[in-house]
Protein backbone atom coordinates (compact mmCIF):
# COMPACT_ATOMS: atom_id res chain seq x y z
CA MET A 1 -370.58 -78.17 -30.73
CA HIS A 2 -374.01 -78.41 -31.70
CA LEU A 3 -377.35 -79.64 -30.40
CA LYS A 4 -378.14 -82.98 -32.43
CA GLY A 5 -381.49 -83.71 -31.04
CA LEU A 6 -384.15 -82.17 -28.52
CA ASN A 7 -386.92 -83.95 -26.75
CA ILE A 8 -389.38 -82.15 -24.74
CA LEU A 9 -392.29 -82.99 -22.39
CA ASN A 10 -394.58 -80.87 -20.55
CA PHE A 11 -392.72 -77.60 -20.84
CA LYS A 12 -394.48 -74.53 -21.17
CA THR A 13 -396.89 -75.03 -24.26
CA TYR A 14 -395.31 -78.08 -25.62
CA GLU A 15 -397.29 -81.57 -24.44
CA GLN A 16 -394.42 -83.40 -26.24
CA ALA A 17 -392.06 -82.69 -29.15
CA GLU A 18 -389.05 -84.44 -30.61
CA ILE A 19 -386.64 -82.58 -32.88
CA ASP A 20 -383.62 -83.51 -35.14
CA LEU A 21 -381.65 -80.38 -35.65
CA HIS A 22 -379.11 -79.51 -38.07
CA PRO A 23 -375.55 -78.72 -36.94
CA LYS A 24 -375.51 -75.30 -38.59
CA VAL A 25 -378.77 -73.22 -38.89
CA ASN A 26 -382.19 -74.08 -37.49
CA CYS A 27 -385.33 -71.60 -38.25
CA PHE A 28 -388.53 -71.75 -36.50
CA VAL A 29 -391.30 -69.63 -38.15
CA GLY A 30 -394.83 -69.22 -36.91
CA ASN A 31 -397.09 -66.65 -35.84
CA ASN A 32 -396.72 -64.96 -32.16
CA GLY A 33 -397.71 -67.16 -29.30
CA VAL A 34 -397.24 -70.66 -31.00
CA GLY A 35 -394.11 -71.72 -28.97
CA LYS A 36 -391.26 -70.71 -30.79
CA THR A 37 -389.42 -68.79 -27.65
CA ASN A 38 -390.25 -71.90 -25.66
CA LEU A 39 -388.11 -73.70 -27.84
CA LEU A 40 -385.24 -71.99 -27.65
CA ASP A 41 -386.09 -71.50 -23.65
CA ALA A 42 -385.66 -75.27 -23.74
CA ILE A 43 -382.52 -75.14 -25.00
CA VAL A 44 -381.38 -72.34 -22.81
CA TYR A 45 -382.05 -74.78 -19.76
CA LEU A 46 -380.02 -77.43 -21.16
CA SER A 47 -377.09 -74.80 -20.76
CA MET A 48 -378.07 -72.59 -17.93
CA CYS A 49 -379.71 -75.07 -15.52
CA LYS A 50 -382.97 -72.45 -15.85
CA SER A 51 -385.22 -70.62 -17.98
CA ASN A 52 -384.04 -67.39 -19.72
CA PHE A 53 -387.68 -65.63 -19.19
CA ASN A 54 -388.78 -67.30 -16.08
CA SER A 55 -386.84 -68.23 -13.14
CA VAL A 56 -389.34 -70.20 -11.12
CA ASP A 57 -388.86 -73.26 -12.52
CA TYR A 58 -392.21 -74.80 -11.51
CA GLN A 59 -393.85 -72.21 -13.82
CA ASN A 60 -392.73 -73.56 -17.02
CA VAL A 61 -394.29 -76.71 -16.16
CA ARG A 62 -397.26 -77.24 -18.77
CA HIS A 63 -400.75 -76.10 -17.70
CA ASN A 64 -402.30 -78.81 -15.56
CA GLN A 65 -399.34 -80.80 -15.48
CA ASP A 66 -396.78 -81.69 -12.41
CA PHE A 67 -393.63 -82.00 -14.33
CA PHE A 68 -391.62 -81.57 -17.44
CA VAL A 69 -388.65 -83.12 -18.95
CA ILE A 70 -386.05 -81.74 -21.42
CA GLN A 71 -383.45 -83.97 -22.97
CA GLY A 72 -380.89 -82.98 -25.63
CA VAL A 73 -378.04 -85.06 -27.47
CA TYR A 74 -375.12 -82.60 -27.89
CA SER A 75 -371.75 -83.33 -30.26
CA ARG A 76 -369.09 -81.70 -28.12
CA GLN A 77 -365.59 -82.08 -29.19
CA ASN A 78 -366.27 -85.33 -31.21
CA LYS A 79 -368.22 -86.92 -28.35
CA GLU A 80 -371.98 -87.36 -27.68
CA GLU A 81 -372.99 -85.77 -24.64
CA ASN A 82 -376.59 -86.50 -23.11
CA ILE A 83 -378.22 -83.90 -21.33
CA TYR A 84 -381.52 -84.30 -18.85
CA CYS A 85 -383.23 -81.66 -17.25
CA ALA A 86 -386.58 -82.66 -15.25
CA VAL A 87 -388.55 -80.16 -12.83
CA LYS A 88 -391.62 -81.84 -10.82
CA LYS A 89 -393.39 -79.61 -8.68
CA ASP A 90 -392.84 -79.88 -4.98
CA SER A 91 -389.54 -81.98 -5.77
CA GLY A 92 -387.27 -79.55 -7.28
CA LYS A 93 -384.91 -79.86 -10.23
CA THR A 94 -382.82 -82.91 -11.72
CA PHE A 95 -380.15 -82.13 -13.78
CA LYS A 96 -377.99 -85.10 -15.34
CA ARG A 97 -375.02 -85.23 -17.63
CA ASN A 98 -374.65 -88.78 -19.34
CA GLY A 99 -376.85 -90.21 -16.56
CA LYS A 100 -374.93 -88.80 -13.93
CA GLU A 101 -376.59 -86.20 -11.72
CA TYR A 102 -374.76 -82.95 -10.89
CA ASP A 103 -373.99 -82.30 -6.90
CA ARG A 104 -374.15 -78.52 -7.72
CA LEU A 105 -375.89 -77.46 -10.74
CA ALA A 106 -373.24 -74.50 -10.75
CA ASP A 107 -370.61 -77.12 -12.12
CA HIS A 108 -372.60 -77.44 -15.39
CA ILE A 109 -372.59 -73.69 -16.06
CA GLY A 110 -370.49 -73.09 -19.39
CA TYR A 111 -370.07 -76.88 -19.99
CA LEU A 112 -372.55 -76.05 -22.98
CA PRO A 113 -371.91 -72.21 -23.65
CA ILE A 114 -374.75 -70.25 -25.23
CA VAL A 115 -375.49 -66.65 -26.40
CA ILE A 116 -379.37 -65.70 -26.82
CA ILE A 117 -380.50 -62.75 -28.37
CA SER A 118 -384.25 -61.73 -27.82
CA PRO A 119 -386.66 -58.63 -27.36
CA ALA A 120 -386.08 -59.13 -23.80
CA ASP A 121 -382.61 -57.92 -23.93
CA VAL A 122 -384.02 -54.57 -23.77
CA SER A 123 -384.13 -54.69 -20.32
CA LEU A 124 -380.25 -54.29 -20.08
CA ILE A 125 -381.10 -50.49 -21.39
CA LEU A 126 -384.10 -49.90 -20.08
CA ASP A 127 -384.09 -51.25 -16.56
CA GLY A 128 -381.87 -50.74 -13.36
CA SER A 129 -378.54 -51.80 -12.76
CA GLU A 130 -379.50 -55.12 -11.48
CA GLU A 131 -380.28 -56.13 -15.05
CA ARG A 132 -376.77 -55.16 -16.29
CA ARG A 133 -375.07 -57.26 -13.07
CA LYS A 134 -377.12 -60.12 -14.22
CA TYR A 135 -375.52 -59.70 -17.69
CA MET A 136 -371.82 -59.51 -16.25
CA ASN A 137 -372.64 -62.63 -13.99
CA GLY A 138 -374.16 -64.66 -16.58
CA VAL A 139 -371.39 -64.34 -19.11
CA ILE A 140 -368.48 -64.30 -16.63
CA SER A 141 -369.60 -67.47 -14.89
CA GLN A 142 -369.96 -69.53 -18.36
CA TYR A 143 -365.87 -69.51 -18.38
CA ASN A 144 -365.03 -68.96 -14.74
CA HIS A 145 -366.40 -71.34 -12.15
CA PRO A 146 -364.49 -69.53 -9.10
CA TYR A 147 -366.25 -66.24 -9.94
CA LEU A 148 -369.91 -67.88 -9.86
CA ASP A 149 -368.96 -69.16 -6.63
CA ASN A 150 -367.54 -65.80 -5.12
CA VAL A 151 -370.61 -64.21 -6.47
CA LEU A 152 -373.00 -66.79 -4.33
CA LYS A 153 -370.83 -66.31 -1.31
CA TYR A 154 -370.90 -62.47 -1.54
CA ASN A 155 -374.81 -62.66 -1.96
CA LYS A 156 -375.10 -65.10 1.25
CA LEU A 157 -372.57 -62.96 3.52
CA LEU A 158 -374.34 -59.49 2.33
CA ALA A 159 -377.83 -61.11 3.21
CA ASN A 160 -376.45 -61.98 6.86
CA ARG A 161 -375.02 -58.62 6.84
CA ASN A 162 -378.33 -56.81 6.01
CA LYS A 163 -380.24 -59.24 8.38
CA LEU A 164 -377.76 -57.93 11.47
CA LEU A 165 -378.73 -54.38 10.46
CA LYS A 166 -382.49 -54.58 10.47
CA GLU A 167 -382.46 -56.38 13.63
CA LYS A 168 -383.69 -53.95 16.54
CA SER A 169 -383.04 -56.02 19.19
CA TYR A 170 -379.30 -56.27 18.73
CA ASN A 171 -377.00 -53.73 20.62
CA TYR A 172 -374.72 -52.75 17.79
CA ASN A 173 -371.54 -52.77 20.12
CA SER A 174 -372.68 -56.41 21.06
CA ILE A 175 -372.34 -57.62 17.05
CA SER A 176 -369.60 -55.49 16.27
CA GLU A 177 -366.98 -58.14 16.07
CA LEU A 178 -369.37 -60.27 13.93
CA LEU A 179 -369.92 -57.32 11.29
CA GLU A 180 -366.10 -57.19 11.30
CA VAL A 181 -365.95 -60.71 10.57
CA ILE A 182 -368.61 -60.43 7.88
CA ASP A 183 -366.62 -57.19 6.29
CA ASP A 184 -363.32 -58.70 6.02
CA GLN A 185 -364.84 -61.97 4.04
CA LEU A 186 -366.88 -59.57 1.69
CA ASN A 187 -363.90 -57.70 1.33
CA GLY A 188 -361.92 -60.43 -0.13
CA LEU A 189 -364.84 -61.80 -2.38
CA ALA A 190 -365.76 -58.23 -3.64
CA LYS A 191 -362.08 -57.54 -4.62
CA GLU A 192 -361.94 -60.72 -6.89
CA ILE A 193 -365.31 -60.03 -8.43
CA TYR A 194 -364.50 -56.65 -9.16
CA ASP A 195 -361.40 -57.46 -10.82
CA GLN A 196 -363.36 -59.98 -12.96
CA ARG A 197 -365.72 -57.60 -13.95
CA LEU A 198 -363.34 -54.79 -14.70
CA ASN A 199 -361.09 -57.49 -17.05
CA PHE A 200 -364.24 -58.66 -18.49
CA THR A 201 -365.46 -55.30 -19.72
CA HIS A 202 -362.10 -54.15 -21.05
CA GLU A 203 -361.93 -57.11 -22.98
CA LEU A 204 -365.36 -57.04 -24.27
CA THR A 205 -365.59 -53.43 -25.33
CA PRO A 206 -363.41 -53.36 -28.13
CA ILE A 207 -364.98 -56.53 -29.73
CA PHE A 208 -368.46 -54.89 -28.88
CA GLN A 209 -367.25 -51.37 -30.83
CA GLN A 210 -366.18 -53.58 -34.07
CA TYR A 211 -369.46 -55.33 -34.11
CA TYR A 212 -371.73 -52.33 -33.61
CA GLN A 213 -369.83 -50.21 -36.61
CA LYS A 214 -370.28 -53.77 -38.69
CA VAL A 215 -373.94 -54.24 -38.06
CA SER A 216 -374.91 -50.67 -38.12
CA ASN A 217 -372.74 -49.59 -41.06
CA GLY A 218 -372.33 -46.22 -39.51
CA VAL A 219 -370.18 -43.79 -37.56
CA GLU A 220 -371.46 -43.59 -34.33
CA GLU A 221 -369.57 -43.96 -31.40
CA VAL A 222 -370.26 -46.53 -28.26
CA ARG A 223 -368.90 -47.54 -25.02
CA LEU A 224 -369.02 -49.79 -21.96
CA ASP A 225 -368.05 -48.27 -18.79
CA TYR A 226 -367.87 -50.56 -15.58
CA GLN A 227 -368.83 -48.59 -12.72
CA SER A 228 -368.06 -49.68 -9.31
CA HIS A 229 -367.63 -48.32 -5.74
CA LEU A 230 -364.38 -50.21 -5.44
CA ALA A 231 -363.11 -48.05 -8.23
CA GLU A 232 -362.11 -45.53 -5.18
CA LYS A 233 -361.35 -47.65 -2.28
CA SER A 234 -361.55 -51.28 -0.86
CA LEU A 235 -364.91 -52.51 0.10
CA LYS A 236 -363.56 -52.69 3.87
CA GLU A 237 -362.85 -49.16 3.82
CA LEU A 238 -365.96 -48.38 2.34
CA LEU A 239 -368.13 -50.42 4.59
CA THR A 240 -366.31 -48.73 7.72
CA GLN A 241 -367.03 -45.37 6.55
CA SER A 242 -370.74 -46.25 5.36
CA LEU A 243 -371.46 -47.98 8.92
CA GLU A 244 -373.24 -45.38 10.65
CA LYS A 245 -375.31 -44.68 7.53
CA ASP A 246 -376.18 -48.52 7.02
CA LYS A 247 -377.23 -48.84 10.59
CA ILE A 248 -379.75 -45.89 9.71
CA VAL A 249 -381.01 -47.64 6.65
CA GLN A 250 -380.72 -50.90 7.75
CA TYR A 251 -379.07 -52.51 4.61
CA THR A 252 -375.64 -52.25 3.21
CA THR A 253 -375.11 -49.07 0.79
CA LYS A 254 -371.71 -49.77 -0.57
CA GLY A 255 -370.38 -52.83 -2.50
CA ILE A 256 -370.45 -54.68 -5.43
CA HIS A 257 -373.97 -55.54 -5.40
CA LYS A 258 -374.29 -51.52 -6.42
CA ASP A 259 -372.23 -51.89 -9.71
CA ASP A 260 -373.19 -50.90 -13.12
CA LEU A 261 -372.54 -50.98 -16.68
CA ALA A 262 -372.97 -47.86 -18.29
CA LEU A 263 -374.26 -48.34 -21.91
CA THR A 264 -373.51 -45.19 -23.86
CA LEU A 265 -374.15 -44.05 -27.56
CA ASN A 266 -372.07 -40.88 -29.09
CA ASN A 267 -371.45 -40.02 -24.95
CA HIS A 268 -374.81 -40.17 -24.14
CA PRO A 269 -377.09 -42.96 -22.34
CA ILE A 270 -378.50 -45.20 -24.66
CA LYS A 271 -381.32 -45.17 -23.08
CA LYS A 272 -382.38 -41.71 -24.05
CA GLU A 273 -379.92 -41.22 -27.31
CA GLY A 274 -381.34 -44.39 -29.15
CA SER A 275 -383.79 -45.25 -31.39
CA GLN A 276 -385.54 -48.15 -31.38
CA GLY A 277 -383.55 -49.40 -34.28
CA GLN A 278 -380.36 -48.11 -32.80
CA GLN A 279 -381.19 -49.98 -29.51
CA LYS A 280 -381.51 -53.24 -30.91
CA THR A 281 -378.50 -52.98 -33.09
CA TYR A 282 -376.53 -52.12 -29.83
CA LEU A 283 -378.01 -54.98 -28.01
CA ILE A 284 -377.19 -57.37 -30.98
CA ALA A 285 -373.72 -56.02 -31.25
CA LEU A 286 -372.88 -56.53 -27.32
CA LYS A 287 -374.04 -60.36 -27.83
CA LEU A 288 -372.06 -60.95 -30.58
CA ALA A 289 -369.26 -59.61 -29.03
CA GLN A 290 -370.22 -61.91 -26.03
CA PHE A 291 -370.28 -64.76 -28.48
CA ASN A 292 -366.70 -63.69 -29.91
CA PHE A 293 -365.30 -63.29 -25.89
CA ILE A 294 -366.53 -66.70 -24.71
CA GLU A 295 -364.96 -68.55 -27.78
CA ARG A 296 -361.90 -66.69 -27.07
CA VAL A 297 -361.48 -67.75 -23.38
CA SER A 298 -363.29 -71.30 -23.63
CA GLY A 299 -362.12 -72.56 -27.22
CA ILE A 300 -365.73 -73.70 -27.79
CA LYS A 301 -368.13 -71.60 -30.16
CA PRO A 302 -371.33 -70.93 -28.32
CA ILE A 303 -374.74 -72.16 -29.44
CA LEU A 304 -376.45 -68.70 -30.94
CA LEU A 305 -380.11 -68.21 -30.34
CA LEU A 306 -381.77 -65.27 -32.10
CA ASP A 307 -385.33 -64.88 -31.31
CA ASP A 308 -387.42 -62.48 -33.15
CA ILE A 309 -384.62 -59.92 -33.86
CA PHE A 310 -385.36 -58.68 -37.05
CA ASP A 311 -388.24 -56.42 -36.10
CA LYS A 312 -387.55 -52.82 -36.05
CA LEU A 313 -384.12 -53.39 -37.89
CA ASP A 314 -384.37 -52.05 -41.14
CA VAL A 315 -383.37 -53.82 -44.49
CA THR A 316 -379.42 -52.41 -44.35
CA ARG A 317 -378.95 -53.89 -40.84
CA VAL A 318 -380.91 -57.20 -41.14
CA GLU A 319 -378.32 -57.86 -44.29
CA GLN A 320 -375.30 -56.73 -42.65
CA PHE A 321 -376.20 -58.69 -39.75
CA ILE A 322 -377.06 -62.03 -41.85
CA ARG A 323 -373.55 -61.25 -43.66
CA LEU A 324 -371.80 -61.41 -40.38
CA VAL A 325 -373.41 -64.67 -39.27
CA SER A 326 -373.23 -66.66 -42.56
CA ASP A 327 -370.07 -66.78 -42.69
CA HIS A 328 -367.98 -69.00 -40.47
CA THR A 329 -367.17 -67.38 -37.47
CA PHE A 330 -370.75 -68.93 -35.72
CA GLY A 331 -371.49 -72.33 -35.28
CA GLN A 332 -374.89 -73.55 -34.60
CA ILE A 333 -377.58 -71.08 -35.03
CA PHE A 334 -381.17 -70.96 -34.13
CA ILE A 335 -383.72 -68.57 -35.46
CA THR A 336 -387.29 -67.57 -34.70
CA ASP A 337 -389.30 -64.98 -36.94
CA THR A 338 -393.11 -64.65 -37.71
CA ASN A 339 -392.20 -63.64 -41.40
CA LYS A 340 -391.49 -66.70 -43.64
CA ALA A 341 -390.76 -64.32 -46.47
CA ARG A 342 -388.23 -62.79 -44.40
CA LEU A 343 -386.64 -66.03 -43.12
CA ASP A 344 -386.86 -67.13 -47.08
CA SER A 345 -384.58 -64.56 -48.01
CA ILE A 346 -382.30 -64.90 -45.07
CA LEU A 347 -381.75 -68.61 -45.63
CA GLY A 348 -380.90 -67.80 -49.45
CA GLN A 349 -377.83 -66.06 -48.20
CA ILE A 350 -376.67 -69.05 -46.04
CA ASP A 351 -374.67 -71.81 -47.95
CA SER A 352 -374.05 -73.71 -44.64
CA GLY A 353 -377.21 -75.51 -44.79
CA TYR A 354 -380.42 -75.59 -42.81
CA HIS A 355 -383.61 -76.88 -41.36
CA LEU A 356 -386.90 -74.80 -41.44
CA PHE A 357 -389.62 -75.82 -39.11
CA ASP A 358 -393.37 -74.74 -38.97
CA VAL A 359 -394.63 -74.07 -35.82
CA LYS A 360 -398.28 -73.98 -34.87
CA GLU A 361 -399.77 -74.47 -31.55
CA GLY A 362 -397.38 -76.73 -29.72
CA GLU A 363 -396.40 -78.68 -33.03
CA VAL A 364 -393.04 -78.62 -34.62
CA LYS A 365 -392.93 -79.98 -38.33
CA LEU A 366 -389.86 -79.87 -40.58
CA VAL A 367 -390.90 -78.13 -44.19
CA GLY A 368 -387.50 -77.21 -45.21
CA SER A 369 -383.91 -78.76 -45.57
CA ASN A 370 -381.05 -77.77 -47.22
């Protein structure tokens, strides 16, 4: 699978751009702030129906405009696929595949698998557990539609339960039956979600460890450990035990909405133990493992987006990384960088062909090809 052409209109910094793309490697070079990352984000939209960086759709509309359009022409399993995404202020989002609008955006997720590695990934290490749950949800939902449906149903029921717990006018005795019905439904959904997250972590971890060793060329020990209340008891038991506390604090204190993914280096949290270079290597290895995992379960090579990832990596790690992605394990790759000399060096090690684009203030120009 690869993206053949990208057309964008009024998206972020771009008034208009039409780009013909190489099926293997596409590089965008330019100074910070000229719009390189926005091009990658447009590609993310076509796969995930949303931005990787700003979840509020209308905030991605170009300044002083009231809509944006992103269109992509793909080759997927030897068939051409036309994907259309439009967002208009006050009118919502339209998403079409080959001219037919989706009834549910969730039905598109995973059809065009994608993996992005960017500086924003550091939030997986530095921020709270919500970021790591989003990460698990984002990966699993690309190959398992029932999982995404279950997460959406769980979150809706959880919101209803929390609303009941916060409502002062209720007598808890009068809503006990309603809470029990909600708890029963949450219990079934939580078990499904827990099992999928557990299986995902077990399968991803050894792949991740292999990639870390390849990129770092070192002997550090890395681990991913899935942490969940459901490792102890069923959610129904946990909710029953915590009901009195939940009434006092007025929200649900136990459940898969509290899950976490512990990221460790040499048996210590990578957040505390790792240098900036080690943290970046950790995240790169995690995303490459994600690529490998999605390809295994879907049978399709995801598109790989590399956004300004070479900063803070030493020369050895850059060389190791390029050696990895320049073989034929990976499909179409997009790279952004501010350093043209570094990109020229990288492209010199890639024999699969490429397009090199110069990006300046919303304009994209092809300046090299092989």
